[in-house]
Amino acid sequence: MPSQPSSHWVFGYGSLIWRPGFVFERAERALLRGVHRRLCIYSHLHRGTAERPGLVFGLERGGACVGMAFKIAESDWDEVRDYLRAREQVTMVYVETHRPAKLANGEIVETLTFVADPHHPQYAGRLSLEEQFALVDGAVGEAGSNIEYVINTARHLKEMGIADRQVQALAAMIASKHAPAENQSAAG
């Protein structure tokens, strides 16, 4: 059944999954084709600083991404869109676009989606897990630690049954470095 013309949807693939920050009517698992999730954006504000950048997720060309589609009421749309632009477009590192996403029930909905701009100076591109870890480990911005961002995203993806090997591998690297210190302090 096609979505109503007055319905608005937002596609989330990173922190929007676990901290949307806006009012929504429904949240549905969704598939977005033609892009994939990657830690490919240097964060100079939310999860790092200009002096000590962190990394945040972006959507890059190719593949597919399973995330969350949020249905927004017509009466809330302007406020939600403005909120998302303020949150996601501080440095204009994303391209705001509309893309079709397939919900778990097979319904196709048009979603507001923020895709990484590969020409932006904050675009990090494809980094190895070791390079990602070096940037994430110890980076902190206005929204908190970069480690927390990656771990929360990894945990929520896993809870949703979304297999993202890169995110889970980085979360495992973080856990292997930081868990022993926590275990030692708990034992001491």
N, C-alpha and C. Protein backbone atom coordinates (compact mmCIF):
# COMPACT_ATOMS: atom_id res chain seq x y z
N MET A 1 0.84 -1.18 0.00
CA MET A 1 0.00 0.00 0.00
C MET A 1 0.89 1.24 0.00
N PRO A 2 0.77 2.15 -0.96
CA PRO A 2 1.64 3.32 -1.01
C PRO A 2 1.34 4.27 0.15
N SER A 3 2.41 5.00 0.56
CA SER A 3 2.22 5.94 1.66
C SER A 3 1.36 7.12 1.22
N GLN A 4 0.68 7.70 2.18
CA GLN A 4 -0.17 8.86 1.91
C GLN A 4 0.69 10.03 1.45
N PRO A 5 0.19 10.87 0.56
CA PRO A 5 0.97 12.01 0.10
C PRO A 5 1.36 12.95 1.25
N SER A 6 0.56 12.97 2.29
CA SER A 6 0.85 13.89 3.40
C SER A 6 1.81 13.28 4.43
N SER A 7 2.28 12.03 4.20
CA SER A 7 3.19 11.43 5.16
C SER A 7 4.63 11.82 4.85
N HIS A 8 5.40 11.94 5.90
CA HIS A 8 6.82 12.28 5.78
C HIS A 8 7.61 11.23 6.54
N TRP A 9 8.74 10.84 5.98
CA TRP A 9 9.59 9.83 6.58
C TRP A 9 11.03 10.32 6.64
N VAL A 10 11.77 9.85 7.64
CA VAL A 10 13.19 10.15 7.82
C VAL A 10 13.91 8.82 7.93
N PHE A 11 15.05 8.68 7.23
CA PHE A 11 15.85 7.46 7.34
C PHE A 11 17.02 7.71 8.28
N GLY A 12 17.14 6.83 9.30
CA GLY A 12 18.25 6.90 10.24
C GLY A 12 19.13 5.68 10.12
N TYR A 13 20.44 5.87 10.20
CA TYR A 13 21.38 4.76 10.04
C TYR A 13 22.47 4.74 11.09
N GLY A 14 22.56 5.78 11.91
CA GLY A 14 23.56 5.87 12.97
C GLY A 14 22.87 6.25 14.27
N SER A 15 23.26 7.37 14.83
CA SER A 15 22.69 7.78 16.12
C SER A 15 21.20 8.11 16.04
N LEU A 16 20.68 8.40 14.87
CA LEU A 16 19.24 8.64 14.76
C LEU A 16 18.45 7.38 15.16
N ILE A 17 19.06 6.21 15.01
CA ILE A 17 18.38 4.97 15.39
C ILE A 17 18.12 4.95 16.90
N TRP A 18 19.12 5.34 17.68
CA TRP A 18 19.00 5.23 19.13
C TRP A 18 18.79 6.55 19.86
N ARG A 19 18.91 7.65 19.15
CA ARG A 19 18.64 8.96 19.75
C ARG A 19 18.08 9.89 18.67
N PRO A 20 16.84 9.62 18.23
CA PRO A 20 16.30 10.45 17.15
C PRO A 20 16.16 11.92 17.55
N GLY A 21 15.67 12.19 18.74
CA GLY A 21 15.56 13.58 19.19
C GLY A 21 14.36 14.33 18.63
N PHE A 22 13.43 13.62 18.00
CA PHE A 22 12.25 14.26 17.44
C PHE A 22 11.04 13.35 17.65
N VAL A 23 9.86 13.94 17.51
CA VAL A 23 8.60 13.21 17.67
C VAL A 23 8.29 12.46 16.37
N PHE A 24 7.87 11.20 16.50
CA PHE A 24 7.49 10.42 15.32
C PHE A 24 6.28 9.56 15.65
N GLU A 25 5.57 9.17 14.59
CA GLU A 25 4.38 8.34 14.75
C GLU A 25 4.71 6.85 14.74
N ARG A 26 5.68 6.47 13.90
CA ARG A 26 6.09 5.07 13.75
C ARG A 26 7.58 5.02 13.51
N ALA A 27 8.17 3.92 13.93
CA ALA A 27 9.57 3.64 13.61
C ALA A 27 9.62 2.22 13.07
N GLU A 28 10.13 2.08 11.87
CA GLU A 28 10.14 0.78 11.17
C GLU A 28 11.53 0.48 10.63
N ARG A 29 11.93 -0.76 10.76
CA ARG A 29 13.16 -1.20 10.11
C ARG A 29 12.99 -0.98 8.61
N ALA A 30 14.04 -0.50 7.95
CA ALA A 30 13.92 -0.17 6.52
C ALA A 30 15.23 -0.42 5.79
N LEU A 31 15.10 -0.67 4.50
CA LEU A 31 16.24 -0.91 3.63
C LEU A 31 16.34 0.22 2.62
N LEU A 32 17.52 0.82 2.54
CA LEU A 32 17.80 1.87 1.58
C LEU A 32 18.85 1.34 0.61
N ARG A 33 18.52 1.24 -0.66
CA ARG A 33 19.45 0.70 -1.66
C ARG A 33 20.28 1.83 -2.27
N GLY A 34 21.49 1.46 -2.70
CA GLY A 34 22.36 2.41 -3.41
C GLY A 34 23.37 3.12 -2.53
N VAL A 35 23.28 2.91 -1.22
CA VAL A 35 24.23 3.51 -0.27
C VAL A 35 24.49 2.51 0.86
N HIS A 36 25.61 2.69 1.55
CA HIS A 36 25.93 1.85 2.70
C HIS A 36 26.48 2.71 3.84
N ARG A 37 26.33 2.22 5.06
CA ARG A 37 26.78 2.92 6.27
C ARG A 37 28.30 2.76 6.40
N ARG A 38 28.98 3.85 6.74
CA ARG A 38 30.43 3.79 6.99
C ARG A 38 30.83 4.94 7.91
N LEU A 39 31.78 4.68 8.78
CA LEU A 39 32.38 5.76 9.56
C LEU A 39 33.32 6.51 8.60
N CYS A 40 32.81 7.58 8.02
CA CYS A 40 33.57 8.23 6.95
C CYS A 40 33.55 9.75 7.04
N ILE A 41 33.07 10.28 8.17
CA ILE A 41 32.98 11.73 8.35
C ILE A 41 33.80 12.13 9.57
N TYR A 42 34.77 13.02 9.40
CA TYR A 42 35.48 13.58 10.55
C TYR A 42 34.52 14.46 11.32
N SER A 43 34.40 14.21 12.62
CA SER A 43 33.52 15.00 13.47
C SER A 43 34.33 16.06 14.20
N HIS A 44 34.00 17.32 13.93
CA HIS A 44 34.68 18.44 14.58
C HIS A 44 33.80 19.08 15.65
N LEU A 45 32.59 18.54 15.85
CA LEU A 45 31.66 19.16 16.79
C LEU A 45 31.02 18.13 17.71
N HIS A 46 30.19 17.26 17.17
CA HIS A 46 29.40 16.34 17.99
C HIS A 46 30.23 15.28 18.70
N ARG A 47 31.20 14.67 18.03
CA ARG A 47 31.97 13.56 18.61
C ARG A 47 33.48 13.78 18.53
N GLY A 48 33.88 15.03 18.36
CA GLY A 48 35.29 15.38 18.32
C GLY A 48 35.41 16.88 18.21
N THR A 49 36.62 17.35 17.99
CA THR A 49 36.88 18.78 17.80
C THR A 49 37.75 18.96 16.56
N ALA A 50 37.94 20.19 16.14
CA ALA A 50 38.81 20.44 14.99
C ALA A 50 40.24 20.00 15.30
N GLU A 51 40.66 20.17 16.57
CA GLU A 51 42.01 19.78 16.98
C GLU A 51 42.13 18.27 17.15
N ARG A 52 41.05 17.63 17.60
CA ARG A 52 41.04 16.17 17.84
C ARG A 52 39.76 15.59 17.26
N PRO A 53 39.72 15.44 15.93
CA PRO A 53 38.49 14.96 15.29
C PRO A 53 38.15 13.53 15.69
N GLY A 54 36.85 13.29 15.74
CA GLY A 54 36.34 11.93 15.88
C GLY A 54 35.82 11.49 14.53
N LEU A 55 35.05 10.41 14.52
CA LEU A 55 34.45 9.90 13.29
C LEU A 55 32.98 9.62 13.53
N VAL A 56 32.15 10.00 12.56
CA VAL A 56 30.73 9.68 12.61
C VAL A 56 30.33 9.00 11.30
N PHE A 57 29.14 8.40 11.35
CA PHE A 57 28.67 7.65 10.20
C PHE A 57 28.15 8.56 9.10
N GLY A 58 28.32 8.08 7.89
CA GLY A 58 27.74 8.70 6.72
C GLY A 58 27.26 7.58 5.80
N LEU A 59 26.45 7.93 4.85
CA LEU A 59 26.05 6.99 3.82
C LEU A 59 26.90 7.25 2.60
N GLU A 60 27.56 6.20 2.10
CA GLU A 60 28.38 6.30 0.90
C GLU A 60 27.72 5.52 -0.23
N ARG A 61 28.10 5.88 -1.45
CA ARG A 61 27.55 5.22 -2.64
C ARG A 61 27.85 3.74 -2.66
N GLY A 62 26.87 3.00 -3.16
CA GLY A 62 27.05 1.57 -3.37
C GLY A 62 26.45 0.72 -2.27
N GLY A 63 25.99 -0.44 -2.64
CA GLY A 63 25.48 -1.39 -1.65
C GLY A 63 24.09 -1.04 -1.17
N ALA A 64 23.84 -1.37 0.08
CA ALA A 64 22.54 -1.12 0.70
C ALA A 64 22.75 -0.92 2.19
N CYS A 65 21.79 -0.28 2.81
CA CYS A 65 21.88 -0.01 4.24
C CYS A 65 20.55 -0.32 4.90
N VAL A 66 20.60 -1.13 5.95
CA VAL A 66 19.42 -1.37 6.77
C VAL A 66 19.50 -0.41 7.95
N GLY A 67 18.43 0.30 8.16
CA GLY A 67 18.35 1.25 9.26
C GLY A 67 16.93 1.37 9.75
N MET A 68 16.57 2.57 10.15
CA MET A 68 15.24 2.82 10.70
C MET A 68 14.58 3.96 9.93
N ALA A 69 13.32 3.75 9.56
CA ALA A 69 12.52 4.81 8.94
C ALA A 69 11.52 5.30 9.98
N PHE A 70 11.47 6.61 10.14
CA PHE A 70 10.58 7.24 11.11
C PHE A 70 9.49 7.99 10.37
N LYS A 71 8.24 7.69 10.68
CA LYS A 71 7.12 8.42 10.09
C LYS A 71 6.82 9.64 10.95
N ILE A 72 6.75 10.78 10.29
CA ILE A 72 6.54 12.05 10.97
C ILE A 72 5.17 12.59 10.59
N ALA A 73 4.41 13.03 11.58
CA ALA A 73 3.10 13.62 11.32
C ALA A 73 3.26 14.93 10.56
N GLU A 74 2.31 15.20 9.70
CA GLU A 74 2.32 16.45 8.92
C GLU A 74 2.47 17.66 9.84
N SER A 75 1.78 17.65 10.95
CA SER A 75 1.82 18.79 11.88
C SER A 75 3.20 18.99 12.52
N ASP A 76 4.02 17.95 12.55
CA ASP A 76 5.36 18.04 13.16
C ASP A 76 6.48 18.18 12.13
N TRP A 77 6.15 18.05 10.84
CA TRP A 77 7.18 17.94 9.81
C TRP A 77 8.13 19.13 9.76
N ASP A 78 7.64 20.34 9.73
CA ASP A 78 8.53 21.50 9.61
C ASP A 78 9.51 21.56 10.79
N GLU A 79 9.00 21.31 11.99
CA GLU A 79 9.85 21.34 13.18
C GLU A 79 10.90 20.23 13.13
N VAL A 80 10.51 19.03 12.73
CA VAL A 80 11.45 17.90 12.66
C VAL A 80 12.51 18.15 11.59
N ARG A 81 12.08 18.60 10.42
CA ARG A 81 13.06 18.88 9.35
C ARG A 81 14.05 19.96 9.78
N ASP A 82 13.56 21.01 10.43
CA ASP A 82 14.46 22.07 10.91
C ASP A 82 15.44 21.53 11.95
N TYR A 83 14.93 20.69 12.86
CA TYR A 83 15.78 20.07 13.88
C TYR A 83 16.88 19.23 13.21
N LEU A 84 16.50 18.41 12.23
CA LEU A 84 17.48 17.55 11.56
C LEU A 84 18.51 18.36 10.80
N ARG A 85 18.08 19.42 10.16
CA ARG A 85 19.05 20.27 9.44
C ARG A 85 20.03 20.90 10.42
N ALA A 86 19.54 21.34 11.58
CA ALA A 86 20.42 21.93 12.59
C ALA A 86 21.39 20.88 13.14
N ARG A 87 20.92 19.68 13.33
CA ARG A 87 21.74 18.60 13.90
C ARG A 87 22.73 18.04 12.89
N GLU A 88 22.28 17.78 11.68
CA GLU A 88 23.10 17.08 10.69
C GLU A 88 23.91 18.00 9.78
N GLN A 89 23.47 19.23 9.61
CA GLN A 89 24.08 20.08 8.60
C GLN A 89 24.87 21.26 9.16
N VAL A 90 25.40 21.11 10.36
CA VAL A 90 26.18 22.19 10.98
C VAL A 90 27.30 22.65 10.06
N THR A 91 27.99 21.70 9.42
CA THR A 91 29.10 22.04 8.52
C THR A 91 28.80 21.66 7.06
N MET A 92 27.56 21.27 6.79
CA MET A 92 27.13 20.92 5.43
C MET A 92 27.92 19.74 4.85
N VAL A 93 28.30 18.79 5.71
CA VAL A 93 29.07 17.63 5.28
C VAL A 93 28.18 16.56 4.63
N TYR A 94 26.87 16.71 4.78
CA TYR A 94 25.93 15.78 4.16
C TYR A 94 25.15 16.48 3.06
N VAL A 95 24.71 15.70 2.10
CA VAL A 95 23.80 16.17 1.07
C VAL A 95 22.41 15.71 1.49
N GLU A 96 21.50 16.64 1.63
CA GLU A 96 20.12 16.32 1.97
C GLU A 96 19.41 15.85 0.71
N THR A 97 18.80 14.69 0.78
CA THR A 97 18.16 14.13 -0.39
C THR A 97 16.91 13.36 0.03
N HIS A 98 16.14 12.95 -0.93
CA HIS A 98 14.98 12.09 -0.68
C HIS A 98 15.20 10.80 -1.46
N ARG A 99 15.07 9.68 -0.75
CA ARG A 99 15.30 8.38 -1.37
C ARG A 99 14.23 7.40 -0.93
N PRO A 100 13.87 6.47 -1.82
CA PRO A 100 12.89 5.45 -1.43
C PRO A 100 13.53 4.41 -0.52
N ALA A 101 12.79 4.05 0.52
CA ALA A 101 13.23 2.99 1.43
C ALA A 101 12.12 1.95 1.51
N LYS A 102 12.53 0.71 1.65
CA LYS A 102 11.57 -0.39 1.73
C LYS A 102 11.41 -0.80 3.19
N LEU A 103 10.19 -0.69 3.70
CA LEU A 103 9.90 -1.08 5.07
C LEU A 103 9.84 -2.60 5.16
N ALA A 104 9.90 -3.13 6.37
CA ALA A 104 9.88 -4.58 6.59
C ALA A 104 8.63 -5.23 6.02
N ASN A 105 7.51 -4.48 5.98
CA ASN A 105 6.25 -5.05 5.44
C ASN A 105 6.18 -4.95 3.91
N GLY A 106 7.25 -4.45 3.27
CA GLY A 106 7.30 -4.35 1.81
C GLY A 106 6.89 -2.99 1.27
N GLU A 107 6.31 -2.15 2.11
CA GLU A 107 5.88 -0.81 1.69
C GLU A 107 7.11 0.04 1.33
N ILE A 108 7.01 0.78 0.24
CA ILE A 108 8.07 1.71 -0.17
C ILE A 108 7.64 3.12 0.23
N VAL A 109 8.53 3.81 0.96
CA VAL A 109 8.24 5.18 1.39
C VAL A 109 9.39 6.08 0.97
N GLU A 110 9.08 7.31 0.69
CA GLU A 110 10.10 8.31 0.35
C GLU A 110 10.65 8.88 1.65
N THR A 111 11.97 8.83 1.84
CA THR A 111 12.56 9.27 3.09
C THR A 111 13.50 10.46 2.89
N LEU A 112 13.50 11.35 3.86
CA LEU A 112 14.53 12.38 3.95
C LEU A 112 15.79 11.67 4.44
N THR A 113 16.87 11.81 3.70
CA THR A 113 18.10 11.08 3.97
C THR A 113 19.28 12.02 3.83
N PHE A 114 20.26 11.85 4.72
CA PHE A 114 21.48 12.65 4.65
C PHE A 114 22.63 11.74 4.23
N VAL A 115 23.21 12.05 3.05
CA VAL A 115 24.25 11.24 2.43
C VAL A 115 25.57 12.00 2.50
N ALA A 116 26.66 11.30 2.77
CA ALA A 116 27.98 11.91 2.86
C ALA A 116 28.35 12.62 1.56
N ASP A 117 28.90 13.82 1.69
CA ASP A 117 29.40 14.58 0.54
C ASP A 117 30.89 14.27 0.37
N PRO A 118 31.26 13.48 -0.64
CA PRO A 118 32.66 13.08 -0.79
C PRO A 118 33.61 14.23 -1.16
N HIS A 119 33.06 15.40 -1.45
CA HIS A 119 33.89 16.55 -1.80
C HIS A 119 34.11 17.49 -0.63
N HIS A 120 33.50 17.19 0.50
CA HIS A 120 33.60 18.05 1.69
C HIS A 120 34.93 17.77 2.41
N PRO A 121 35.59 18.80 2.97
CA PRO A 121 36.86 18.60 3.68
C PRO A 121 36.77 17.63 4.87
N GLN A 122 35.58 17.45 5.45
CA GLN A 122 35.43 16.53 6.58
C GLN A 122 35.17 15.09 6.14
N TYR A 123 35.11 14.85 4.85
CA TYR A 123 34.91 13.50 4.35
C TYR A 123 36.22 12.72 4.53
N ALA A 124 36.18 11.64 5.29
CA ALA A 124 37.37 10.84 5.59
C ALA A 124 37.59 9.73 4.58
N GLY A 125 36.53 9.33 3.90
CA GLY A 125 36.66 8.24 2.94
C GLY A 125 36.77 6.89 3.62
N ARG A 126 37.36 5.95 2.92
CA ARG A 126 37.48 4.58 3.42
C ARG A 126 38.73 4.46 4.28
N LEU A 127 38.53 4.24 5.56
CA LEU A 127 39.63 4.09 6.51
C LEU A 127 39.68 2.64 7.00
N SER A 128 40.87 2.16 7.30
CA SER A 128 41.00 0.82 7.88
C SER A 128 40.41 0.82 9.29
N LEU A 129 40.15 -0.35 9.83
CA LEU A 129 39.64 -0.44 11.21
C LEU A 129 40.62 0.19 12.19
N GLU A 130 41.91 0.01 11.96
CA GLU A 130 42.92 0.59 12.84
C GLU A 130 42.88 2.12 12.78
N GLU A 131 42.71 2.68 11.58
CA GLU A 131 42.60 4.13 11.44
C GLU A 131 41.33 4.65 12.11
N GLN A 132 40.23 3.93 11.94
CA GLN A 132 38.98 4.31 12.59
C GLN A 132 39.16 4.30 14.11
N PHE A 133 39.75 3.23 14.62
CA PHE A 133 39.94 3.11 16.06
C PHE A 133 40.80 4.26 16.60
N ALA A 134 41.89 4.59 15.90
CA ALA A 134 42.78 5.67 16.35
C ALA A 134 42.04 7.00 16.44
N LEU A 135 41.11 7.25 15.53
CA LEU A 135 40.34 8.50 15.56
C LEU A 135 39.26 8.47 16.64
N VAL A 136 38.57 7.35 16.77
CA VAL A 136 37.45 7.23 17.71
C VAL A 136 37.93 7.22 19.16
N ASP A 137 39.03 6.50 19.42
CA ASP A 137 39.53 6.32 20.78
C ASP A 137 40.01 7.64 21.37
N GLY A 138 39.29 8.13 22.34
CA GLY A 138 39.68 9.37 23.01
C GLY A 138 39.05 10.63 22.46
N ALA A 139 38.36 10.56 21.34
CA ALA A 139 37.71 11.74 20.78
C ALA A 139 36.42 12.03 21.55
N VAL A 140 36.22 13.30 21.88
CA VAL A 140 35.02 13.74 22.61
C VAL A 140 34.57 15.06 22.01
N GLY A 141 33.26 15.18 21.80
CA GLY A 141 32.68 16.43 21.28
C GLY A 141 31.52 16.86 22.13
N GLU A 142 30.76 17.81 21.63
CA GLU A 142 29.63 18.37 22.38
C GLU A 142 28.58 17.32 22.73
N ALA A 143 28.41 16.29 21.92
CA ALA A 143 27.40 15.26 22.17
C ALA A 143 27.94 14.09 22.99
N GLY A 144 29.23 14.11 23.33
CA GLY A 144 29.80 13.03 24.13
C GLY A 144 30.97 12.35 23.45
N SER A 145 31.35 11.22 24.03
CA SER A 145 32.53 10.50 23.53
C SER A 145 32.23 9.77 22.23
N ASN A 146 33.24 9.68 21.41
CA ASN A 146 33.11 8.98 20.14
C ASN A 146 32.96 7.48 20.38
N ILE A 147 33.61 6.96 21.41
CA ILE A 147 33.47 5.54 21.75
C ILE A 147 32.01 5.23 22.06
N GLU A 148 31.38 6.07 22.88
CA GLU A 148 29.97 5.86 23.24
C GLU A 148 29.10 5.81 21.98
N TYR A 149 29.35 6.71 21.04
CA TYR A 149 28.61 6.78 19.78
C TYR A 149 28.71 5.47 19.01
N VAL A 150 29.92 4.94 18.88
CA VAL A 150 30.13 3.70 18.13
C VAL A 150 29.51 2.52 18.86
N ILE A 151 29.74 2.43 20.17
CA ILE A 151 29.21 1.31 20.96
C ILE A 151 27.69 1.32 20.96
N ASN A 152 27.07 2.48 21.16
CA ASN A 152 25.60 2.56 21.14
C ASN A 152 25.04 2.16 19.78
N THR A 153 25.67 2.62 18.73
CA THR A 153 25.20 2.26 17.38
C THR A 153 25.35 0.76 17.16
N ALA A 154 26.50 0.20 17.52
CA ALA A 154 26.73 -1.24 17.35
C ALA A 154 25.71 -2.04 18.14
N ARG A 155 25.45 -1.64 19.38
CA ARG A 155 24.51 -2.37 20.24
C ARG A 155 23.10 -2.33 19.66
N HIS A 156 22.67 -1.16 19.21
CA HIS A 156 21.32 -1.04 18.66
C HIS A 156 21.17 -1.79 17.33
N LEU A 157 22.19 -1.75 16.51
CA LEU A 157 22.13 -2.52 15.26
C LEU A 157 22.00 -4.01 15.57
N LYS A 158 22.79 -4.47 16.53
CA LYS A 158 22.74 -5.89 16.90
C LYS A 158 21.36 -6.25 17.46
N GLU A 159 20.81 -5.39 18.33
CA GLU A 159 19.47 -5.63 18.90
C GLU A 159 18.40 -5.69 17.81
N MET A 160 18.59 -4.93 16.74
CA MET A 160 17.63 -4.92 15.63
C MET A 160 17.87 -6.08 14.66
N GLY A 161 18.93 -6.85 14.90
CA GLY A 161 19.25 -7.96 14.00
C GLY A 161 19.90 -7.50 12.71
N ILE A 162 20.52 -6.34 12.74
CA ILE A 162 21.20 -5.79 11.56
C ILE A 162 22.68 -6.17 11.63
N ALA A 163 23.12 -6.96 10.67
CA ALA A 163 24.51 -7.38 10.62
C ALA A 163 25.33 -6.31 9.90
N ASP A 164 26.22 -5.67 10.63
CA ASP A 164 27.14 -4.70 10.04
C ASP A 164 28.53 -5.07 10.56
N ARG A 165 29.25 -5.85 9.76
CA ARG A 165 30.54 -6.39 10.19
C ARG A 165 31.54 -5.32 10.59
N GLN A 166 31.59 -4.22 9.83
CA GLN A 166 32.56 -3.17 10.13
C GLN A 166 32.28 -2.52 11.48
N VAL A 167 31.02 -2.20 11.74
CA VAL A 167 30.65 -1.57 13.01
C VAL A 167 30.92 -2.53 14.16
N GLN A 168 30.54 -3.80 14.01
CA GLN A 168 30.75 -4.77 15.08
C GLN A 168 32.24 -5.03 15.31
N ALA A 169 33.04 -5.04 14.25
CA ALA A 169 34.48 -5.25 14.40
C ALA A 169 35.12 -4.10 15.16
N LEU A 170 34.71 -2.87 14.86
CA LEU A 170 35.27 -1.72 15.57
C LEU A 170 34.82 -1.74 17.03
N ALA A 171 33.57 -2.08 17.28
CA ALA A 171 33.07 -2.18 18.66
C ALA A 171 33.86 -3.24 19.43
N ALA A 172 34.21 -4.34 18.78
CA ALA A 172 35.00 -5.39 19.43
C ALA A 172 36.41 -4.89 19.75
N MET A 173 37.00 -4.11 18.85
CA MET A 173 38.33 -3.53 19.11
C MET A 173 38.27 -2.61 20.31
N ILE A 174 37.25 -1.79 20.38
CA ILE A 174 37.07 -0.86 21.51
C ILE A 174 36.93 -1.65 22.80
N ALA A 175 36.08 -2.67 22.78
CA ALA A 175 35.85 -3.48 23.97
C ALA A 175 37.12 -4.18 24.43
N SER A 176 37.91 -4.69 23.48
CA SER A 176 39.13 -5.40 23.88
C SER A 176 40.15 -4.46 24.51
N LYS A 177 40.16 -3.21 24.10
CA LYS A 177 41.10 -2.26 24.70
C LYS A 177 40.59 -1.74 26.04
N HIS A 178 39.31 -1.44 26.12
CA HIS A 178 38.80 -0.77 27.31
C HIS A 178 38.22 -1.71 28.37
N ALA A 179 37.79 -2.89 28.00
CA ALA A 179 37.21 -3.82 28.99
C ALA A 179 38.23 -4.30 30.02
N PRO A 180 39.47 -4.63 29.63
CA PRO A 180 40.43 -5.08 30.65
C PRO A 180 40.67 -4.04 31.75
N ALA A 181 40.75 -2.77 31.38
CA ALA A 181 40.96 -1.71 32.36
C ALA A 181 39.78 -1.64 33.33
N GLU A 182 38.57 -1.79 32.80
CA GLU A 182 37.39 -1.76 33.64
C GLU A 182 37.36 -2.98 34.56
N ASN A 183 37.75 -4.15 34.04
CA ASN A 183 37.77 -5.36 34.85
C ASN A 183 38.82 -5.27 35.95
N GLN A 184 39.99 -4.69 35.63
CA GLN A 184 41.04 -4.54 36.62
C GLN A 184 40.61 -3.61 37.74
N SER A 185 39.96 -2.49 37.39
CA SER A 185 39.53 -1.55 38.43
C SER A 185 38.42 -2.14 39.28
N ALA A 186 37.58 -2.99 38.70
CA ALA A 186 36.52 -3.64 39.46
C ALA A 186 37.12 -4.68 40.41
N ALA A 187 38.20 -5.33 39.99
CA ALA A 187 38.83 -6.34 40.82
C ALA A 187 39.67 -5.70 41.92
N GLY A 188 40.18 -4.49 41.67
CA GLY A 188 41.10 -3.82 42.61
C GLY A 188 40.37 -3.09 43.62
